[in-house]
Each structure stands twice: as C-alpha cells, then as structure tokens.
Amino acid sequence: MSVLNTILLDGMANAGGAIGAGIAALGAGVGVGQIGKSALESMARQPEILNDIRSNMILAAALVEGVALFGVIVGLLAMFL
C-alpha cells in the first residue's frame, strides 16, 4: 500500500506544480495587461508626462514578470524534485 501512496503523492505533486506554474504565468499576463491598459489611459489623459508614465510602466511590468518567473520556477521545481 505504501508504494501506491508514493505514486499518488508524486502524481499530485507533479499536477500541483504544473497548475502553480500555469497560474503564475496567467497572473503575469493579467498583471502586465492591466499595467499597459492603465498606462495608455494615463497617456491619453496627460500626454505631456508621456515619458514618465512609460518609464514607470516598464519598471512595474518588469517587477510583475520577475515575480511570475519565481512562481514558474517554483512550480517546475515542485514537478521535478
């Protein structure tokens, strides 16, 4: 019975890691989309500060992508370790 439990737990860890990596990637896509949407709305309202908004948008998108990368790596490690 312990062999069956081990196989089931390994399968659940693989599934959990894959689901976690997918959720992290999906969250990053939604986050970057929201950042871009808000930046475009802000640029349309105040075109004179376009460069400031653009640089802040790039910084925020990079931070979101960095966190998502960690989430994907943790998910992949959960699958393979």
Protein backbone atom coordinates (compact mmCIF):
# COMPACT_ATOMS: atom_id res chain seq x y z
CA MET A 1 0.00 0.00 0.00
CA SER A 2 2.87 2.40 0.64
CA VAL A 3 4.07 2.09 -2.98
CA LEU A 4 0.64 3.14 -4.21
CA ASN A 5 0.61 6.09 -1.81
CA THR A 6 4.04 7.16 -3.04
CA ILE A 7 2.94 7.03 -6.67
CA LEU A 8 -0.21 9.01 -5.92
CA LEU A 9 1.69 11.64 -3.96
CA ASP A 10 4.23 12.01 -6.77
CA GLY A 11 1.43 12.46 -9.28
CA MET A 12 -0.27 15.03 -7.09
CA ALA A 13 2.99 16.95 -6.68
CA ASN A 14 3.50 16.97 -10.44
CA ALA A 15 -0.05 18.17 -11.05
CA GLY A 16 0.23 20.82 -8.33
CA GLY A 17 3.50 22.10 -9.72
CA ALA A 18 2.09 22.33 -13.24
CA ILE A 19 -1.05 24.10 -12.04
CA GLY A 20 1.01 26.51 -9.93
CA ALA A 21 3.31 27.36 -12.84
CA GLY A 22 0.29 27.93 -15.07
CA ILE A 23 -1.40 30.20 -12.54
CA ALA A 24 1.81 32.22 -12.14
CA ALA A 25 2.08 32.70 -15.91
CA LEU A 26 -1.61 33.60 -16.17
CA GLY A 27 -1.27 36.11 -13.32
CA ALA A 28 1.68 37.75 -15.02
CA GLY A 29 -0.27 38.11 -18.26
CA VAL A 30 -3.20 39.72 -16.47
CA GLY A 31 -0.89 41.99 -14.47
CA VAL A 32 1.06 43.24 -17.46
CA GLY A 33 -2.21 43.76 -19.34
CA GLN A 34 -3.59 45.89 -16.52
CA ILE A 35 -0.37 47.90 -16.36
CA GLY A 36 -0.48 48.56 -20.10
CA LYS A 37 -4.17 49.49 -20.01
CA SER A 38 -3.69 51.94 -17.17
CA ALA A 39 -0.61 53.46 -18.76
CA LEU A 40 -2.39 54.03 -22.07
CA GLU A 41 -5.33 55.66 -20.29
CA SER A 42 -2.95 57.90 -18.36
CA MET A 43 -1.05 58.86 -21.51
CA ALA A 44 -4.32 59.74 -23.23
CA ARG A 45 -5.35 61.98 -20.34
CA GLN A 46 -1.98 63.68 -19.83
CA PRO A 47 0.23 63.42 -22.92
CA GLU A 48 2.74 65.90 -21.51
CA ILE A 49 4.09 63.34 -19.00
CA LEU A 50 4.30 60.50 -21.52
CA ASN A 51 7.96 59.66 -20.80
CA ASP A 52 7.44 59.46 -17.03
CA ILE A 53 4.45 57.17 -17.43
CA ARG A 54 6.30 54.97 -19.92
CA SER A 55 9.32 54.51 -17.66
CA ASN A 56 7.13 53.69 -14.65
CA MET A 57 5.13 51.25 -16.78
CA ILE A 58 8.27 49.42 -17.86
CA LEU A 59 9.52 49.21 -14.27
CA ALA A 60 6.20 47.87 -12.99
CA ALA A 61 5.96 45.31 -15.81
CA ALA A 62 9.50 44.12 -15.08
CA LEU A 63 8.64 43.63 -11.40
CA VAL A 64 5.50 41.65 -12.26
CA GLU A 65 7.44 39.47 -14.70
CA GLY A 66 10.15 38.86 -12.08
CA VAL A 67 7.64 37.63 -9.53
CA ALA A 68 5.96 35.45 -12.16
CA LEU A 69 9.31 33.94 -13.11
CA PHE A 70 9.85 32.90 -9.49
CA GLY A 71 6.37 31.35 -9.44
CA VAL A 72 7.03 29.37 -12.61
CA ILE A 73 10.41 28.18 -11.32
CA VAL A 74 8.89 27.04 -8.02
CA GLY A 75 6.13 25.22 -9.91
CA LEU A 76 8.63 23.48 -12.15
CA LEU A 77 10.80 22.53 -9.19
CA ALA A 78 7.75 21.04 -7.48
CA MET A 79 7.19 18.89 -10.55
CA PHE A 80 10.73 17.59 -10.88
CA LEU A 81 12.01 17.36 -7.30
